[in-house]
Amino acid sequence: MIPTRRPCASTRSTRVTDIYRRVGLNEILVVDDAQTAAAAAQKEIGLDLTEEQKKAFAQRYIEERRKIEEDLRRQMEESRRPKVKALVEKLRQEFAAQPVKTP
């Protein structure tokens, strides 16, 4: 895992897009804290919700967000696969053209 610098709570922005962090080279950006992201989304919509509505909103947000992230991962893998295949073929040709050195 790539170490990340996490801002202190007092400087953390409430915008949903600011709640992401990078967790690895092959990972898509993921929510750092699902509850914080849901709270930020609630604040962003600007509605006064009851505690019951807030819980329902947070649960629905987290479920829908998970679906979006999974769909993005799937799309990324579909996009990555042919590019990696082409890279491997390019390197195979490049290294096949080089003479093998014997000791």
N, C-alpha and C. Protein backbone atom coordinates (compact mmCIF):
# COMPACT_ATOMS: atom_id res chain seq x y z
N MET A 1 0.83 -1.17 0.00
CA MET A 1 0.00 0.00 0.00
C MET A 1 0.88 1.24 0.00
N ILE A 2 0.50 2.22 -0.79
CA ILE A 2 1.24 3.46 -0.90
C ILE A 2 0.85 4.35 0.29
N PRO A 3 1.83 4.83 1.04
CA PRO A 3 1.49 5.70 2.16
C PRO A 3 0.87 7.00 1.64
N THR A 4 -0.14 7.47 2.33
CA THR A 4 -0.78 8.71 1.93
C THR A 4 -0.78 9.68 3.09
N ARG A 5 -0.76 10.93 2.77
CA ARG A 5 -0.83 11.98 3.78
C ARG A 5 -2.30 12.33 3.95
N ARG A 6 -2.78 12.21 5.15
CA ARG A 6 -4.18 12.45 5.43
C ARG A 6 -4.33 13.78 6.17
N PRO A 7 -5.16 14.68 5.63
CA PRO A 7 -5.30 15.97 6.28
C PRO A 7 -5.99 15.84 7.63
N CYS A 8 -5.69 16.74 8.53
CA CYS A 8 -6.36 16.70 9.83
C CYS A 8 -7.83 17.09 9.64
N ALA A 9 -8.65 16.71 10.60
CA ALA A 9 -10.10 16.92 10.49
C ALA A 9 -10.46 18.38 10.30
N SER A 10 -9.70 19.29 10.89
CA SER A 10 -10.04 20.71 10.80
C SER A 10 -9.82 21.28 9.41
N THR A 11 -8.92 20.68 8.62
CA THR A 11 -8.65 21.19 7.28
C THR A 11 -9.31 20.38 6.19
N ARG A 12 -9.96 19.30 6.55
CA ARG A 12 -10.58 18.41 5.56
C ARG A 12 -11.78 19.09 4.91
N SER A 13 -11.81 19.08 3.61
CA SER A 13 -12.91 19.66 2.85
C SER A 13 -14.13 18.74 2.95
N THR A 14 -15.30 19.32 2.82
CA THR A 14 -16.51 18.51 2.87
C THR A 14 -16.97 18.08 1.49
N ARG A 15 -16.28 18.49 0.44
CA ARG A 15 -16.66 18.06 -0.91
C ARG A 15 -16.39 16.58 -1.07
N VAL A 16 -17.34 15.88 -1.67
CA VAL A 16 -17.24 14.44 -1.83
C VAL A 16 -15.97 14.05 -2.58
N THR A 17 -15.61 14.81 -3.60
CA THR A 17 -14.43 14.46 -4.40
C THR A 17 -13.14 14.60 -3.62
N ASP A 18 -13.15 15.34 -2.53
CA ASP A 18 -11.95 15.52 -1.72
C ASP A 18 -11.76 14.40 -0.69
N ILE A 19 -12.71 13.49 -0.60
CA ILE A 19 -12.65 12.46 0.42
C ILE A 19 -11.92 11.21 -0.08
N TYR A 20 -11.52 11.23 -1.33
CA TYR A 20 -10.82 10.08 -1.90
C TYR A 20 -9.35 10.08 -1.53
N ARG A 21 -8.76 8.89 -1.61
CA ARG A 21 -7.31 8.79 -1.49
C ARG A 21 -6.84 7.63 -2.35
N ARG A 22 -5.59 7.67 -2.74
CA ARG A 22 -5.01 6.61 -3.58
C ARG A 22 -4.56 5.50 -2.65
N VAL A 23 -4.96 4.25 -2.93
CA VAL A 23 -4.59 3.15 -2.05
C VAL A 23 -3.62 2.16 -2.68
N GLY A 24 -3.35 2.25 -3.95
CA GLY A 24 -2.40 1.34 -4.56
C GLY A 24 -2.29 1.61 -6.05
N LEU A 25 -1.24 1.10 -6.66
CA LEU A 25 -1.02 1.36 -8.07
C LEU A 25 -2.12 0.80 -8.94
N ASN A 26 -2.66 -0.34 -8.59
CA ASN A 26 -3.68 -0.97 -9.41
C ASN A 26 -5.09 -0.76 -8.87
N GLU A 27 -5.22 0.15 -7.97
CA GLU A 27 -6.51 0.40 -7.35
C GLU A 27 -7.12 1.67 -7.92
N ILE A 28 -8.43 1.69 -7.95
CA ILE A 28 -9.16 2.91 -8.29
C ILE A 28 -9.30 3.72 -7.01
N LEU A 29 -9.47 5.00 -7.15
CA LEU A 29 -9.70 5.81 -5.96
C LEU A 29 -10.91 5.26 -5.20
N VAL A 30 -10.78 5.13 -3.91
CA VAL A 30 -11.88 4.60 -3.10
C VAL A 30 -12.19 5.56 -1.97
N VAL A 31 -13.33 5.40 -1.40
CA VAL A 31 -13.75 6.27 -0.32
C VAL A 31 -12.92 5.98 0.92
N ASP A 32 -12.35 7.01 1.48
CA ASP A 32 -11.54 6.88 2.68
C ASP A 32 -12.42 6.47 3.85
N ASP A 33 -13.53 7.11 4.00
CA ASP A 33 -14.43 6.84 5.11
C ASP A 33 -15.86 6.97 4.59
N ALA A 34 -16.57 5.87 4.47
CA ALA A 34 -17.90 5.86 3.86
C ALA A 34 -18.87 6.77 4.61
N GLN A 35 -18.81 6.78 5.90
CA GLN A 35 -19.71 7.63 6.67
C GLN A 35 -19.42 9.11 6.42
N THR A 36 -18.16 9.46 6.33
CA THR A 36 -17.79 10.86 6.06
C THR A 36 -18.26 11.25 4.66
N ALA A 37 -18.11 10.36 3.69
CA ALA A 37 -18.56 10.64 2.33
C ALA A 37 -20.07 10.82 2.29
N ALA A 38 -20.80 9.97 3.00
CA ALA A 38 -22.25 10.09 3.03
C ALA A 38 -22.67 11.39 3.70
N ALA A 39 -22.00 11.76 4.78
CA ALA A 39 -22.31 13.02 5.47
C ALA A 39 -22.03 14.21 4.56
N ALA A 40 -20.93 14.14 3.82
CA ALA A 40 -20.59 15.23 2.89
C ALA A 40 -21.64 15.33 1.79
N ALA A 41 -22.11 14.19 1.30
CA ALA A 41 -23.14 14.19 0.27
C ALA A 41 -24.45 14.76 0.82
N GLN A 42 -24.77 14.42 2.07
CA GLN A 42 -25.97 14.99 2.70
C GLN A 42 -25.86 16.50 2.79
N LYS A 43 -24.70 16.97 3.19
CA LYS A 43 -24.49 18.41 3.31
C LYS A 43 -24.57 19.07 1.94
N GLU A 44 -24.05 18.39 0.93
CA GLU A 44 -24.03 18.93 -0.43
C GLU A 44 -25.43 19.11 -0.99
N ILE A 45 -26.37 18.22 -0.64
CA ILE A 45 -27.73 18.36 -1.18
C ILE A 45 -28.51 19.47 -0.49
N GLY A 46 -28.07 19.84 0.71
CA GLY A 46 -28.65 20.99 1.39
C GLY A 46 -30.04 20.80 1.97
N LEU A 47 -30.45 19.57 2.23
CA LEU A 47 -31.77 19.33 2.81
C LEU A 47 -31.66 19.08 4.30
N ASP A 48 -32.69 19.47 5.03
CA ASP A 48 -32.76 19.21 6.46
C ASP A 48 -33.42 17.84 6.64
N LEU A 49 -32.67 16.84 7.05
CA LEU A 49 -33.19 15.48 7.17
C LEU A 49 -33.32 15.08 8.64
N THR A 50 -34.30 14.23 8.92
CA THR A 50 -34.42 13.67 10.26
C THR A 50 -33.32 12.63 10.45
N GLU A 51 -33.12 12.20 11.69
CA GLU A 51 -32.09 11.18 11.95
C GLU A 51 -32.38 9.90 11.17
N GLU A 52 -33.64 9.52 11.08
CA GLU A 52 -34.02 8.32 10.33
C GLU A 52 -33.71 8.49 8.84
N GLN A 53 -34.02 9.67 8.31
CA GLN A 53 -33.72 9.95 6.91
C GLN A 53 -32.21 9.99 6.65
N LYS A 54 -31.47 10.53 7.61
CA LYS A 54 -30.01 10.57 7.47
C LYS A 54 -29.43 9.17 7.41
N LYS A 55 -29.92 8.27 8.26
CA LYS A 55 -29.44 6.89 8.25
C LYS A 55 -29.80 6.22 6.93
N ALA A 56 -31.03 6.42 6.47
CA ALA A 56 -31.46 5.82 5.20
C ALA A 56 -30.65 6.39 4.04
N PHE A 57 -30.41 7.70 4.06
CA PHE A 57 -29.61 8.34 3.02
C PHE A 57 -28.20 7.77 3.00
N ALA A 58 -27.58 7.67 4.18
CA ALA A 58 -26.21 7.16 4.26
C ALA A 58 -26.14 5.72 3.75
N GLN A 59 -27.09 4.90 4.15
CA GLN A 59 -27.09 3.50 3.70
C GLN A 59 -27.25 3.43 2.18
N ARG A 60 -28.18 4.18 1.64
CA ARG A 60 -28.42 4.18 0.19
C ARG A 60 -27.21 4.73 -0.56
N TYR A 61 -26.62 5.80 -0.03
CA TYR A 61 -25.44 6.39 -0.65
C TYR A 61 -24.31 5.37 -0.73
N ILE A 62 -24.05 4.70 0.38
CA ILE A 62 -22.96 3.73 0.43
C ILE A 62 -23.22 2.57 -0.53
N GLU A 63 -24.46 2.07 -0.58
CA GLU A 63 -24.79 0.97 -1.50
C GLU A 63 -24.61 1.40 -2.96
N GLU A 64 -25.15 2.56 -3.30
CA GLU A 64 -25.05 3.04 -4.69
C GLU A 64 -23.61 3.38 -5.05
N ARG A 65 -22.89 3.94 -4.11
CA ARG A 65 -21.49 4.29 -4.34
C ARG A 65 -20.66 3.04 -4.60
N ARG A 66 -20.93 1.97 -3.84
CA ARG A 66 -20.23 0.70 -4.05
C ARG A 66 -20.48 0.19 -5.47
N LYS A 67 -21.72 0.29 -5.94
CA LYS A 67 -22.04 -0.15 -7.31
C LYS A 67 -21.27 0.66 -8.34
N ILE A 68 -21.21 1.97 -8.13
CA ILE A 68 -20.47 2.83 -9.06
C ILE A 68 -18.99 2.45 -9.08
N GLU A 69 -18.39 2.28 -7.90
CA GLU A 69 -16.97 1.92 -7.82
C GLU A 69 -16.69 0.58 -8.50
N GLU A 70 -17.57 -0.39 -8.30
CA GLU A 70 -17.40 -1.71 -8.92
C GLU A 70 -17.50 -1.59 -10.44
N ASP A 71 -18.45 -0.81 -10.92
CA ASP A 71 -18.59 -0.61 -12.36
C ASP A 71 -17.34 0.06 -12.94
N LEU A 72 -16.81 1.04 -12.24
CA LEU A 72 -15.59 1.71 -12.71
C LEU A 72 -14.40 0.75 -12.72
N ARG A 73 -14.30 -0.11 -11.70
CA ARG A 73 -13.23 -1.11 -11.68
C ARG A 73 -13.33 -2.05 -12.88
N ARG A 74 -14.55 -2.47 -13.17
CA ARG A 74 -14.78 -3.38 -14.31
C ARG A 74 -14.40 -2.69 -15.62
N GLN A 75 -14.82 -1.45 -15.79
CA GLN A 75 -14.48 -0.70 -17.00
C GLN A 75 -12.98 -0.52 -17.13
N MET A 76 -12.32 -0.21 -16.03
CA MET A 76 -10.88 -0.01 -16.04
C MET A 76 -10.16 -1.30 -16.44
N GLU A 77 -10.59 -2.41 -15.90
CA GLU A 77 -9.96 -3.69 -16.24
C GLU A 77 -10.17 -4.01 -17.72
N GLU A 78 -11.36 -3.76 -18.24
CA GLU A 78 -11.62 -4.00 -19.66
C GLU A 78 -10.74 -3.11 -20.54
N SER A 79 -10.51 -1.90 -20.10
CA SER A 79 -9.66 -0.98 -20.85
C SER A 79 -8.18 -1.36 -20.72
N ARG A 80 -7.79 -1.83 -19.55
CA ARG A 80 -6.40 -2.16 -19.27
C ARG A 80 -5.96 -3.42 -20.02
N ARG A 81 -6.81 -4.43 -20.06
CA ARG A 81 -6.45 -5.74 -20.61
C ARG A 81 -5.80 -5.66 -21.99
N PRO A 82 -6.42 -5.02 -23.01
CA PRO A 82 -5.78 -4.99 -24.34
C PRO A 82 -4.49 -4.17 -24.35
N LYS A 83 -4.41 -3.15 -23.51
CA LYS A 83 -3.19 -2.34 -23.45
C LYS A 83 -2.03 -3.14 -22.88
N VAL A 84 -2.30 -3.92 -21.86
CA VAL A 84 -1.25 -4.76 -21.27
C VAL A 84 -0.82 -5.82 -22.27
N LYS A 85 -1.78 -6.40 -22.98
CA LYS A 85 -1.45 -7.41 -23.99
C LYS A 85 -0.55 -6.80 -25.08
N ALA A 86 -0.88 -5.61 -25.52
CA ALA A 86 -0.06 -4.93 -26.54
C ALA A 86 1.33 -4.61 -25.99
N LEU A 87 1.42 -4.20 -24.74
CA LEU A 87 2.71 -3.91 -24.12
C LEU A 87 3.58 -5.16 -24.07
N VAL A 88 3.00 -6.28 -23.66
CA VAL A 88 3.74 -7.53 -23.57
C VAL A 88 4.25 -7.94 -24.95
N GLU A 89 3.40 -7.79 -25.96
CA GLU A 89 3.82 -8.15 -27.33
C GLU A 89 4.94 -7.23 -27.81
N LYS A 90 4.84 -5.94 -27.53
CA LYS A 90 5.88 -4.98 -27.92
C LYS A 90 7.21 -5.35 -27.26
N LEU A 91 7.17 -5.65 -25.97
CA LEU A 91 8.40 -6.01 -25.25
C LEU A 91 8.95 -7.35 -25.75
N ARG A 92 8.08 -8.28 -26.08
CA ARG A 92 8.54 -9.57 -26.61
C ARG A 92 9.30 -9.35 -27.90
N GLN A 93 8.75 -8.53 -28.78
CA GLN A 93 9.42 -8.26 -30.06
C GLN A 93 10.73 -7.51 -29.84
N GLU A 94 10.71 -6.54 -28.94
CA GLU A 94 11.92 -5.76 -28.67
C GLU A 94 13.03 -6.64 -28.11
N PHE A 95 12.70 -7.48 -27.15
CA PHE A 95 13.72 -8.30 -26.53
C PHE A 95 14.11 -9.52 -27.39
N ALA A 96 13.22 -9.96 -28.26
CA ALA A 96 13.55 -11.06 -29.17
C ALA A 96 14.57 -10.61 -30.22
N ALA A 97 14.55 -9.31 -30.53
CA ALA A 97 15.46 -8.77 -31.55
C ALA A 97 16.87 -8.59 -31.00
N GLN A 98 17.03 -8.58 -29.68
CA GLN A 98 18.35 -8.40 -29.07
C GLN A 98 19.05 -9.76 -29.02
N PRO A 99 20.34 -9.79 -29.38
CA PRO A 99 21.08 -11.04 -29.30
C PRO A 99 21.29 -11.45 -27.83
N VAL A 100 21.28 -12.74 -27.59
CA VAL A 100 21.51 -13.26 -26.25
C VAL A 100 23.00 -13.28 -25.99
N LYS A 101 23.43 -12.70 -24.89
CA LYS A 101 24.85 -12.68 -24.53
C LYS A 101 25.15 -13.90 -23.68
N THR A 102 26.21 -14.60 -24.05
CA THR A 102 26.63 -15.76 -23.28
C THR A 102 27.91 -15.43 -22.53
N PRO A 103 28.06 -15.93 -21.32
CA PRO A 103 29.25 -15.59 -20.52
C PRO A 103 30.51 -16.23 -21.06
